[in-house]
């Protein structure tokens, strides 16, 4: 929830906006705080941007945290804007290809950064992606409650089903590894992003109407993991589907549990069609927001 703080600038007070997150002291927000303290310090983010020559990186800046009334924990962020879910709820319901591909590239940057810092996100969904109405070039990936340290001290965790609570995260988009109670790995985030892109472009997934029956969701995801072509065809129905998305899904679904993804090759799948549209992933995202 955005809150407003006053900061004086000479004789002219300026309003600076912040986003505040509040939750039970020992709830998942504690996991999120750990992520920001360990892996997302402002200096680390800036170094990564320079090293990778990216103008923008959507890792939120956590400006402070603390306890309230001994029962609640809070995190304070520089203003994130609005969730992509709320933008879709304005009546858009689906994104244009250009906007979806811009967001895909920006999220692949974020995921590469997070993964290099030993974490996976664990809950990629439009509710955790923010667009700033004041600057539509700003895309942020927030919501690190389910962040998982998949490579503590540089050593990848071993794949073991049932080692964690199954189905953690947003059921519609989580990976099969998360469904099975396996610690999510890099491929999990990329699989979730693929499901999100399909939903944003088509408005539904084959399992969208059975979300209350989690086993049915798992069954469908397992079926289509082996047959990406049918998944894409079903979602796009009579419309032609973007080759970039099908290639992305095929490459991501083929990743082994501990395999390092080829992030730049995946980004290029979306950057090439964007180049043909004569735009960059780092331009303002092609969405119209209701004021």
C-alpha atoms as a PDB file:
ATOM      1  CA  UNK A   1       0.000   0.000   0.000  1.00  0.00           C
ATOM      2  CA  UNK A   2       1.559   3.325  -1.015  1.00  0.00           C
ATOM      3  CA  UNK A   3       2.196   5.787   1.777  1.00  0.00           C
ATOM      4  CA  UNK A   4       3.417   9.347   1.486  1.00  0.00           C
ATOM      5  CA  UNK A   5       6.343  10.863   3.345  1.00  0.00           C
ATOM      6  CA  UNK A   6       7.385  14.500   3.378  1.00  0.00           C
ATOM      7  CA  UNK A   7      10.993  15.347   2.610  1.00  0.00           C
ATOM      8  CA  UNK A   8      12.073  18.981   2.702  1.00  0.00           C
ATOM      9  CA  UNK A   9      14.050  20.337  -0.221  1.00  0.00           C
ATOM     10  CA  UNK A  10      15.109  23.889   0.569  1.00  0.00           C
ATOM     11  CA  UNK A  11      11.950  25.920   1.160  1.00  0.00           C
ATOM     12  CA  UNK A  12       9.908  23.772  -1.216  1.00  0.00           C
ATOM     13  CA  UNK A  13       8.712  20.508   0.369  1.00  0.00           C
ATOM     14  CA  UNK A  14       8.672  17.589  -2.048  1.00  0.00           C
ATOM     15  CA  UNK A  15       6.397  14.599  -1.732  1.00  0.00           C
ATOM     16  CA  UNK A  16       8.196  11.312  -1.983  1.00  0.00           C
ATOM     17  CA  UNK A  17       6.079   8.195  -2.335  1.00  0.00           C
ATOM     18  CA  UNK A  18       6.836   4.846  -0.727  1.00  0.00           C
ATOM     19  CA  UNK A  19       5.265   1.401  -0.780  1.00  0.00           C
ATOM     20  CA  UNK A  20       4.784  -0.267   2.600  1.00  0.00           C
ATOM     21  CA  UNK A  21       4.374  -4.003   3.190  1.00  0.00           C
ATOM     22  CA  UNK A  22       3.052  -5.214   6.555  1.00  0.00           C
ATOM     23  CA  UNK A  23       2.562  -8.786   7.759  1.00  0.00           C
ATOM     24  CA  UNK A  24       2.661 -10.987  10.858  1.00  0.00           C
ATOM     25  CA  UNK A  25       6.089 -10.753  12.496  1.00  0.00           C
ATOM     26  CA  UNK A  26       7.031 -14.396  11.922  1.00  0.00           C
ATOM     27  CA  UNK A  27       5.132 -14.809   8.649  1.00  0.00           C
ATOM     28  CA  UNK A  28       6.590 -15.080   5.163  1.00  0.00           C
ATOM     29  CA  UNK A  29       7.610 -11.425   5.221  1.00  0.00           C
ATOM     30  CA  UNK A  30      10.572 -12.527   7.381  1.00  0.00           C
ATOM     31  CA  UNK A  31      11.769 -14.671   4.468  1.00  0.00           C
ATOM     32  CA  UNK A  32      11.374 -11.646   2.185  1.00  0.00           C
ATOM     33  CA  UNK A  33      13.378  -9.427   4.552  1.00  0.00           C
ATOM     34  CA  UNK A  34      16.177 -12.019   4.561  1.00  0.00           C
ATOM     35  CA  UNK A  35      16.239 -11.995   0.763  1.00  0.00           C
ATOM     36  CA  UNK A  36      16.628  -8.204   0.611  1.00  0.00           C
ATOM     37  CA  UNK A  37      19.330  -8.167   3.291  1.00  0.00           C
ATOM     38  CA  UNK A  38      21.301 -10.977   1.665  1.00  0.00           C
ATOM     39  CA  UNK A  39      20.822 -10.574  -2.051  1.00  0.00           C
ATOM     40  CA  UNK A  40      19.341  -7.210  -3.028  1.00  0.00           C
ATOM     41  CA  UNK A  41      21.414  -4.413  -1.519  1.00  0.00           C
ATOM     42  CA  UNK A  42      21.335  -1.257  -3.665  1.00  0.00           C
ATOM     43  CA  UNK A  43      25.113  -1.365  -4.269  1.00  0.00           C
ATOM     44  CA  UNK A  44      24.970  -4.977  -5.493  1.00  0.00           C
ATOM     45  CA  UNK A  45      22.132  -4.129  -7.889  1.00  0.00           C
ATOM     46  CA  UNK A  46      24.018  -1.105  -9.295  1.00  0.00           C
ATOM     47  CA  UNK A  47      27.199  -3.157  -9.845  1.00  0.00           C
ATOM     48  CA  UNK A  48      25.220  -5.837 -11.676  1.00  0.00           C
ATOM     49  CA  UNK A  49      23.589  -3.239 -13.952  1.00  0.00           C
ATOM     50  CA  UNK A  50      26.993  -1.822 -14.915  1.00  0.00           C
ATOM     51  CA  UNK A  51      28.561  -5.243 -15.408  1.00  0.00           C
ATOM     52  CA  UNK A  52      25.692  -6.381 -17.651  1.00  0.00           C
ATOM     53  CA  UNK A  53      25.207  -2.992 -19.358  1.00  0.00           C
ATOM     54  CA  UNK A  54      21.487  -2.784 -18.612  1.00  0.00           C
ATOM     55  CA  UNK A  55      19.949   0.676 -18.124  1.00  0.00           C
ATOM     56  CA  UNK A  56      17.227  -0.547 -15.747  1.00  0.00           C
ATOM     57  CA  UNK A  57      16.870  -3.515 -13.403  1.00  0.00           C
ATOM     58  CA  UNK A  58      13.546  -4.109 -11.674  1.00  0.00           C
ATOM     59  CA  UNK A  59      14.753  -5.248  -8.257  1.00  0.00           C
ATOM     60  CA  UNK A  60      12.864  -3.105  -5.705  1.00  0.00           C
ATOM     61  CA  UNK A  61      14.881  -0.852  -3.412  1.00  0.00           C
ATOM     62  CA  UNK A  62      14.077  -1.762   0.202  1.00  0.00           C
ATOM     63  CA  UNK A  63      14.765   1.470   2.087  1.00  0.00           C
ATOM     64  CA  UNK A  64      13.936   0.148   5.550  1.00  0.00           C
ATOM     65  CA  UNK A  65      12.294  -2.504   7.699  1.00  0.00           C
ATOM     66  CA  UNK A  66      11.310  -3.051  11.303  1.00  0.00           C
ATOM     67  CA  UNK A  67       8.755  -4.304  13.805  1.00  0.00           C
ATOM     68  CA  UNK A  68       5.466  -2.682  14.782  1.00  0.00           C
ATOM     69  CA  UNK A  69       3.673  -3.324  18.098  1.00  0.00           C
ATOM     70  CA  UNK A  70       5.835  -6.436  18.556  1.00  0.00           C
ATOM     71  CA  UNK A  71       3.394  -8.428  16.385  1.00  0.00           C
ATOM     72  CA  UNK A  72       3.998  -7.111  12.882  1.00  0.00           C
ATOM     73  CA  UNK A  73       6.980  -6.804  10.587  1.00  0.00           C
ATOM     74  CA  UNK A  74       7.121  -4.143   7.875  1.00  0.00           C
ATOM     75  CA  UNK A  75       9.233  -3.427   4.804  1.00  0.00           C
ATOM     76  CA  UNK A  76       9.413  -0.018   3.118  1.00  0.00           C
ATOM     77  CA  UNK A  77      10.197   0.317  -0.602  1.00  0.00           C
ATOM     78  CA  UNK A  78      10.698   3.191  -2.993  1.00  0.00           C
ATOM     79  CA  UNK A  79       7.322   3.584  -4.737  1.00  0.00           C
ATOM     80  CA  UNK A  80       6.643   0.554  -6.936  1.00  0.00           C
ATOM     81  CA  UNK A  81       3.521   1.834  -8.710  1.00  0.00           C
ATOM     82  CA  UNK A  82       0.683  -0.544  -9.587  1.00  0.00           C
ATOM     83  CA  UNK A  83       0.589  -4.310  -9.961  1.00  0.00           C
ATOM     84  CA  UNK A  84       0.335  -5.672 -13.480  1.00  0.00           C
ATOM     85  CA  UNK A  85      -2.706  -7.616 -12.230  1.00  0.00           C
ATOM     86  CA  UNK A  86      -4.501  -4.361 -11.371  1.00  0.00           C
ATOM     87  CA  UNK A  87      -3.611  -2.957 -14.810  1.00  0.00           C
ATOM     88  CA  UNK A  88      -5.056  -6.068 -16.491  1.00  0.00           C
ATOM     89  CA  UNK A  89      -8.123  -5.619 -14.272  1.00  0.00           C
ATOM     90  CA  UNK A  90      -8.684  -2.124 -15.727  1.00  0.00           C
ATOM     91  CA  UNK A  91     -10.356  -3.851 -18.649  1.00  0.00           C
ATOM     92  CA  UNK A  92      -7.289  -4.779 -20.671  1.00  0.00           C
ATOM     93  CA  UNK A  93      -7.540  -8.460 -19.602  1.00  0.00           C
ATOM     94  CA  UNK A  94      -4.792  -9.344 -22.120  1.00  0.00           C
ATOM     95  CA  UNK A  95      -1.538  -7.662 -23.153  1.00  0.00           C
ATOM     96  CA  UNK A  96      -0.396  -6.818 -26.641  1.00  0.00           C
ATOM     97  CA  UNK A  97       2.534  -8.897 -27.857  1.00  0.00           C
ATOM     98  CA  UNK A  98       4.861  -5.896 -27.688  1.00  0.00           C
ATOM     99  CA  UNK A  99       4.091  -5.235 -23.990  1.00  0.00           C
ATOM    100  CA  UNK A 100       4.319  -8.931 -23.045  1.00  0.00           C
ATOM    101  CA  UNK A 101       7.718  -9.279 -24.737  1.00  0.00           C
ATOM    102  CA  UNK A 102       9.034  -6.070 -23.139  1.00  0.00           C
ATOM    103  CA  UNK A 103       8.030  -7.349 -19.701  1.00  0.00           C
ATOM    104  CA  UNK A 104       9.499 -10.804 -20.481  1.00  0.00           C
ATOM    105  CA  UNK A 105      12.951  -9.341 -21.224  1.00  0.00           C
ATOM    106  CA  UNK A 106      12.854  -7.171 -18.106  1.00  0.00           C
ATOM    107  CA  UNK A 107      11.869 -10.125 -15.917  1.00  0.00           C
ATOM    108  CA  UNK A 108      14.593 -12.317 -17.418  1.00  0.00           C
ATOM    109  CA  UNK A 109      17.078  -9.625 -16.322  1.00  0.00           C
ATOM    110  CA  UNK A 110      15.630  -9.719 -12.791  1.00  0.00           C
ATOM    111  CA  UNK A 111      15.677 -13.512 -12.661  1.00  0.00           C
ATOM    112  CA  UNK A 112      19.262 -13.724 -13.887  1.00  0.00           C
ATOM    113  CA  UNK A 113      20.267 -11.269 -11.141  1.00  0.00           C
ATOM    114  CA  UNK A 114      18.361 -13.150  -8.412  1.00  0.00           C
ATOM    115  CA  UNK A 115      19.684 -16.529  -9.571  1.00  0.00           C
ATOM    116  CA  UNK A 116      23.278 -15.265  -9.618  1.00  0.00           C
ATOM    117  CA  UNK A 117      22.734 -14.236  -5.999  1.00  0.00           C
ATOM    118  CA  UNK A 118      21.803 -17.791  -4.917  1.00  0.00           C
ATOM    119  CA  UNK A 119      18.011 -17.295  -4.831  1.00  0.00           C
ATOM    120  CA  UNK A 120      14.973 -18.187  -6.910  1.00  0.00           C
ATOM    121  CA  UNK A 121      11.800 -16.083  -6.706  1.00  0.00           C
ATOM    122  CA  UNK A 122       9.290 -18.919  -6.389  1.00  0.00           C
ATOM    123  CA  UNK A 123       6.069 -17.003  -7.174  1.00  0.00           C
ATOM    124  CA  UNK A 124       6.112 -15.260 -10.569  1.00  0.00           C
ATOM    125  CA  UNK A 125       2.642 -13.786 -11.121  1.00  0.00           C
ATOM    126  CA  UNK A 126       1.106 -10.494 -12.304  1.00  0.00           C
ATOM    127  CA  UNK A 127       0.353  -9.690  -8.631  1.00  0.00           C
ATOM    128  CA  UNK A 128       4.109  -9.494  -7.972  1.00  0.00           C
ATOM    129  CA  UNK A 129       5.026  -7.418 -11.037  1.00  0.00           C
ATOM    130  CA  UNK A 130       4.717  -3.649 -10.769  1.00  0.00           C
ATOM    131  CA  UNK A 131       4.458  -0.913 -13.402  1.00  0.00           C
ATOM    132  CA  UNK A 132       4.934   2.724 -12.485  1.00  0.00           C
ATOM    133  CA  UNK A 133       2.212   4.950 -14.054  1.00  0.00           C
ATOM    134  CA  UNK A 134       4.560   7.957 -13.721  1.00  0.00           C
ATOM    135  CA  UNK A 135       7.298   6.153 -15.677  1.00  0.00           C
ATOM    136  CA  UNK A 136       6.204   3.144 -17.731  1.00  0.00           C
ATOM    137  CA  UNK A 137       9.829   2.186 -18.381  1.00  0.00           C
ATOM    138  CA  UNK A 138       9.952   1.103 -14.716  1.00  0.00           C
ATOM    139  CA  UNK A 139       9.059  -2.583 -14.316  1.00  0.00           C
ATOM    140  CA  UNK A 140       9.685  -4.193 -10.914  1.00  0.00           C
ATOM    141  CA  UNK A 141       9.585  -7.784  -9.704  1.00  0.00           C
ATOM    142  CA  UNK A 142       8.439  -7.776  -6.061  1.00  0.00           C
ATOM    143  CA  UNK A 143       6.868 -10.321  -3.675  1.00  0.00           C
ATOM    144  CA  UNK A 144       9.787 -12.396  -2.362  1.00  0.00           C
ATOM    145  CA  UNK A 145       7.789 -14.241   0.331  1.00  0.00           C
ATOM    146  CA  UNK A 146       8.471 -17.600  -1.356  1.00  0.00           C
ATOM    147  CA  UNK A 147      12.084 -16.803  -2.325  1.00  0.00           C
ATOM    148  CA  UNK A 148      14.227 -19.910  -1.893  1.00  0.00           C
ATOM    149  CA  UNK A 149      17.998 -20.101  -1.494  1.00  0.00           C
ATOM    150  CA  UNK A 150      18.642 -22.834  -4.039  1.00  0.00           C
ATOM    151  CA  UNK A 151      22.438 -22.552  -3.997  1.00  0.00           C
ATOM    152  CA  UNK A 152      23.651 -21.706  -0.480  1.00  0.00           C
ATOM    153  CA  UNK A 153      27.389 -21.044  -0.513  1.00  0.00           C
ATOM    154  CA  UNK A 154      27.496 -21.884  -4.233  1.00  0.00           C
ATOM    155  CA  UNK A 155      26.329 -25.509  -3.804  1.00  0.00           C
ATOM    156  CA  UNK A 156      23.052 -26.397  -5.543  1.00  0.00           C
ATOM    157  CA  UNK A 157      20.438 -28.130  -3.373  1.00  0.00           C
ATOM    158  CA  UNK A 158      19.645 -31.733  -4.313  1.00  0.00           C
ATOM    159  CA  UNK A 159      16.278 -32.410  -5.957  1.00  0.00           C
ATOM    160  CA  UNK A 160      14.082 -34.195  -3.447  1.00  0.00           C
ATOM    161  CA  UNK A 161      10.296 -34.400  -3.792  1.00  0.00           C
ATOM    162  CA  UNK A 162       8.410 -33.764  -0.559  1.00  0.00           C
ATOM    163  CA  UNK A 163      11.314 -31.904   1.068  1.00  0.00           C
ATOM    164  CA  UNK A 164       9.145 -28.759   1.249  1.00  0.00           C
ATOM    165  CA  UNK A 165       5.421 -27.992   1.508  1.00  0.00           C
ATOM    166  CA  UNK A 166       3.862 -28.892  -1.874  1.00  0.00           C
ATOM    167  CA  UNK A 167       1.993 -26.324  -4.028  1.00  0.00           C
ATOM    168  CA  UNK A 168       3.612 -23.241  -2.410  1.00  0.00           C
ATOM    169  CA  UNK A 169       2.929 -20.046  -4.349  1.00  0.00           C
ATOM    170  CA  UNK A 170       0.170 -19.110  -6.813  1.00  0.00           C
ATOM    171  CA  UNK A 171      -1.232 -22.459  -8.010  1.00  0.00           C
ATOM    172  CA  UNK A 172      -2.051 -21.266 -11.543  1.00  0.00           C
ATOM    173  CA  UNK A 173       1.573 -20.363 -12.325  1.00  0.00           C
ATOM    174  CA  UNK A 174       3.956 -22.304 -10.058  1.00  0.00           C
ATOM    175  CA  UNK A 175       6.271 -24.921 -11.524  1.00  0.00           C
ATOM    176  CA  UNK A 176       5.847 -28.669 -11.330  1.00  0.00           C
ATOM    177  CA  UNK A 177       8.830 -28.802  -8.955  1.00  0.00           C
ATOM    178  CA  UNK A 178       6.969 -26.494  -6.534  1.00  0.00           C
ATOM    179  CA  UNK A 179       3.796 -28.582  -6.856  1.00  0.00           C
ATOM    180  CA  UNK A 180       5.765 -31.662  -5.822  1.00  0.00           C
ATOM    181  CA  UNK A 181       7.332 -30.087  -2.749  1.00  0.00           C
ATOM    182  CA  UNK A 182      10.767 -29.899  -4.351  1.00  0.00           C
ATOM    183  CA  UNK A 183      12.826 -26.793  -3.617  1.00  0.00           C
ATOM    184  CA  UNK A 184      12.317 -24.579  -6.706  1.00  0.00           C
ATOM    185  CA  UNK A 185      15.392 -24.102  -8.900  1.00  0.00           C
ATOM    186  CA  UNK A 186      16.216 -21.711 -11.741  1.00  0.00           C
ATOM    187  CA  UNK A 187      14.059 -23.619 -14.213  1.00  0.00           C
ATOM    188  CA  UNK A 188      11.044 -23.171 -11.894  1.00  0.00           C
ATOM    189  CA  UNK A 189      11.018 -19.376 -12.249  1.00  0.00           C
ATOM    190  CA  UNK A 190      11.392 -19.627 -16.027  1.00  0.00           C
ATOM    191  CA  UNK A 191       8.569 -22.187 -16.278  1.00  0.00           C
ATOM    192  CA  UNK A 192       6.301 -19.881 -14.237  1.00  0.00           C
ATOM    193  CA  UNK A 193       7.168 -16.921 -16.470  1.00  0.00           C
ATOM    194  CA  UNK A 194       6.154 -19.025 -19.491  1.00  0.00           C
ATOM    195  CA  UNK A 195       2.725 -19.750 -17.968  1.00  0.00           C
ATOM    196  CA  UNK A 196       2.319 -16.044 -17.148  1.00  0.00           C
ATOM    197  CA  UNK A 197       3.144 -14.974 -20.713  1.00  0.00           C
ATOM    198  CA  UNK A 198       0.552 -17.390 -22.092  1.00  0.00           C
ATOM    199  CA  UNK A 199      -2.075 -16.072 -19.664  1.00  0.00           C
ATOM    200  CA  UNK A 200      -1.246 -12.413 -20.409  1.00  0.00           C
ATOM    201  CA  UNK A 201      -1.475 -12.949 -24.168  1.00  0.00           C
ATOM    202  CA  UNK A 202      -4.473 -15.306 -24.248  1.00  0.00           C
ATOM    203  CA  UNK A 203      -6.444 -14.563 -21.088  1.00  0.00           C
ATOM    204  CA  UNK A 204      -6.547 -18.163 -19.841  1.00  0.00           C
ATOM    205  CA  UNK A 205      -4.579 -21.386 -19.328  1.00  0.00           C
ATOM    206  CA  UNK A 206      -5.964 -24.922 -19.843  1.00  0.00           C
ATOM    207  CA  UNK A 207      -6.136 -25.351 -16.049  1.00  0.00           C
ATOM    208  CA  UNK A 208      -7.520 -21.874 -15.196  1.00  0.00           C
ATOM    209  CA  UNK A 209     -11.008 -23.269 -14.508  1.00  0.00           C
ATOM    210  CA  UNK A 210      -9.879 -26.108 -12.165  1.00  0.00           C
ATOM    211  CA  UNK A 211      -7.694 -24.137  -9.733  1.00  0.00           C
ATOM    212  CA  UNK A 212      -9.707 -25.456  -6.773  1.00  0.00           C
ATOM    213  CA  UNK A 213      -8.580 -28.986  -7.743  1.00  0.00           C
ATOM    214  CA  UNK A 214      -4.823 -28.778  -7.466  1.00  0.00           C
ATOM    215  CA  UNK A 215      -4.227 -32.381  -8.617  1.00  0.00           C
ATOM    216  CA  UNK A 216      -6.064 -31.592 -11.871  1.00  0.00           C
ATOM    217  CA  UNK A 217      -3.791 -28.556 -12.351  1.00  0.00           C
ATOM    218  CA  UNK A 218      -0.688 -30.730 -11.846  1.00  0.00           C
ATOM    219  CA  UNK A 219      -2.023 -33.347 -14.278  1.00  0.00           C
ATOM    220  CA  UNK A 220      -2.551 -30.706 -16.992  1.00  0.00           C
ATOM    221  CA  UNK A 221       0.868 -29.116 -16.445  1.00  0.00           C
ATOM    222  CA  UNK A 222       2.552 -32.536 -16.662  1.00  0.00           C
ATOM    223  CA  UNK A 223       0.697 -33.337 -19.863  1.00  0.00           C
ATOM    224  CA  UNK A 224       1.587 -30.068 -21.589  1.00  0.00           C
ATOM    225  CA  UNK A 225       5.182 -30.050 -20.393  1.00  0.00           C
ATOM    226  CA  UNK A 226       5.689 -32.927 -22.827  1.00  0.00           C
ATOM    227  CA  UNK A 227       3.666 -31.239 -25.588  1.00  0.00           C
ATOM    228  CA  UNK A 228       4.355 -27.498 -25.676  1.00  0.00           C
ATOM    229  CA  UNK A 229       3.040 -27.168 -29.231  1.00  0.00           C
ATOM    230  CA  UNK A 230      -0.440 -28.356 -28.185  1.00  0.00           C
ATOM    231  CA  UNK A 231      -0.389 -26.056 -25.135  1.00  0.00           C
ATOM    232  CA  UNK A 232       0.340 -22.999 -27.289  1.00  0.00           C
ATOM    233  CA  UNK A 233      -2.185 -24.038 -29.961  1.00  0.00           C
ATOM    234  CA  UNK A 234      -4.921 -24.533 -27.358  1.00  0.00           C
ATOM    235  CA  UNK A 235      -4.306 -21.137 -25.731  1.00  0.00           C
ATOM    236  CA  UNK A 236      -4.164 -19.177 -28.996  1.00  0.00           C
ATOM    237  CA  UNK A 237      -7.048 -21.132 -30.590  1.00  0.00           C
ATOM    238  CA  UNK A 238      -7.565 -19.797 -34.118  1.00  0.00           C
ATOM    239  CA  UNK A 239      -4.999 -16.997 -33.808  1.00  0.00           C
ATOM    240  CA  UNK A 240      -1.426 -17.366 -34.979  1.00  0.00           C
ATOM    241  CA  UNK A 241       0.923 -17.809 -32.023  1.00  0.00           C
ATOM    242  CA  UNK A 242       4.274 -16.037 -31.640  1.00  0.00           C
ATOM    243  CA  UNK A 243       7.212 -18.264 -32.510  1.00  0.00           C
ATOM    244  CA  UNK A 244       9.250 -16.577 -29.753  1.00  0.00           C
ATOM    245  CA  UNK A 245       6.923 -17.839 -27.032  1.00  0.00           C
ATOM    246  CA  UNK A 246       6.815 -21.407 -28.316  1.00  0.00           C
ATOM    247  CA  UNK A 247      10.632 -21.517 -28.577  1.00  0.00           C
ATOM    248  CA  UNK A 248      10.934 -20.072 -25.069  1.00  0.00           C
ATOM    249  CA  UNK A 249       8.599 -22.688 -23.582  1.00  0.00           C
ATOM    250  CA  UNK A 250      10.313 -25.564 -25.408  1.00  0.00           C
ATOM    251  CA  UNK A 251      13.754 -24.499 -24.166  1.00  0.00           C
ATOM    252  CA  UNK A 252      12.615 -23.885 -20.592  1.00  0.00           C
ATOM    253  CA  UNK A 253      10.640 -27.137 -20.270  1.00  0.00           C
ATOM    254  CA  UNK A 254      13.745 -29.056 -21.393  1.00  0.00           C
ATOM    255  CA  UNK A 255      16.003 -27.672 -18.626  1.00  0.00           C
ATOM    256  CA  UNK A 256      17.386 -30.097 -16.041  1.00  0.00           C
ATOM    257  CA  UNK A 257      16.856 -29.304 -12.341  1.00  0.00           C
ATOM    258  CA  UNK A 258      20.386 -27.990 -11.717  1.00  0.00           C
ATOM    259  CA  UNK A 259      21.052 -26.670 -15.235  1.00  0.00           C
ATOM    260  CA  UNK A 260      22.028 -23.034 -15.674  1.00  0.00           C
ATOM    261  CA  UNK A 261      19.686 -21.369 -18.180  1.00  0.00           C
ATOM    262  CA  UNK A 262      21.085 -19.424 -21.150  1.00  0.00           C
ATOM    263  CA  UNK A 263      19.468 -16.144 -20.153  1.00  0.00           C
ATOM    264  CA  UNK A 264      20.773 -14.060 -23.047  1.00  0.00           C
ATOM    265  CA  UNK A 265      19.590 -16.612 -25.627  1.00  0.00           C
ATOM    266  CA  UNK A 266      16.140 -16.581 -23.985  1.00  0.00           C
ATOM    267  CA  UNK A 267      16.076 -12.761 -23.980  1.00  0.00           C
ATOM    268  CA  UNK A 268      17.029 -12.710 -27.660  1.00  0.00           C
ATOM    269  CA  UNK A 269      13.908 -14.733 -28.503  1.00  0.00           C
ATOM    270  CA  UNK A 270      11.855 -11.698 -27.416  1.00  0.00           C
ATOM    271  CA  UNK A 271      14.317  -8.947 -28.353  1.00  0.00           C
ATOM    272  CA  UNK A 272      14.335  -9.941 -32.042  1.00  0.00           C
ATOM    273  CA  UNK A 273      10.582  -9.415 -32.599  1.00  0.00           C
ATOM    274  CA  UNK A 274      10.811  -6.196 -30.538  1.00  0.00           C
ATOM    275  CA  UNK A 275      13.586  -4.974 -32.865  1.00  0.00           C
ATOM    276  CA  UNK A 276      11.270  -5.627 -35.824  1.00  0.00           C
ATOM    277  CA  UNK A 277       8.642  -3.496 -34.057  1.00  0.00           C
ATOM    278  CA  UNK A 278      11.369  -0.822 -33.757  1.00  0.00           C
ATOM    279  CA  UNK A 279      11.260  -0.703 -29.985  1.00  0.00           C
ATOM    280  CA  UNK A 280      13.371  -1.713 -27.008  1.00  0.00           C
ATOM    281  CA  UNK A 281      12.483  -3.724 -23.924  1.00  0.00           C
ATOM    282  CA  UNK A 282      13.726  -0.728 -21.916  1.00  0.00           C
ATOM    283  CA  UNK A 283      11.332   1.766 -23.544  1.00  0.00           C
ATOM    284  CA  UNK A 284       8.021   2.589 -21.858  1.00  0.00           C
ATOM    285  CA  UNK A 285       5.907  -0.565 -21.697  1.00  0.00           C
ATOM    286  CA  UNK A 286       3.145  -0.572 -24.309  1.00  0.00           C
ATOM    287  CA  UNK A 287       0.128  -0.473 -21.965  1.00  0.00           C
ATOM    288  CA  UNK A 288      -2.564   2.116 -21.383  1.00  0.00           C
ATOM    289  CA  UNK A 289      -3.379   2.741 -17.759  1.00  0.00           C
ATOM    290  CA  UNK A 290      -6.658   4.100 -16.480  1.00  0.00           C
ATOM    291  CA  UNK A 291      -5.675   7.193 -14.427  1.00  0.00           C
END
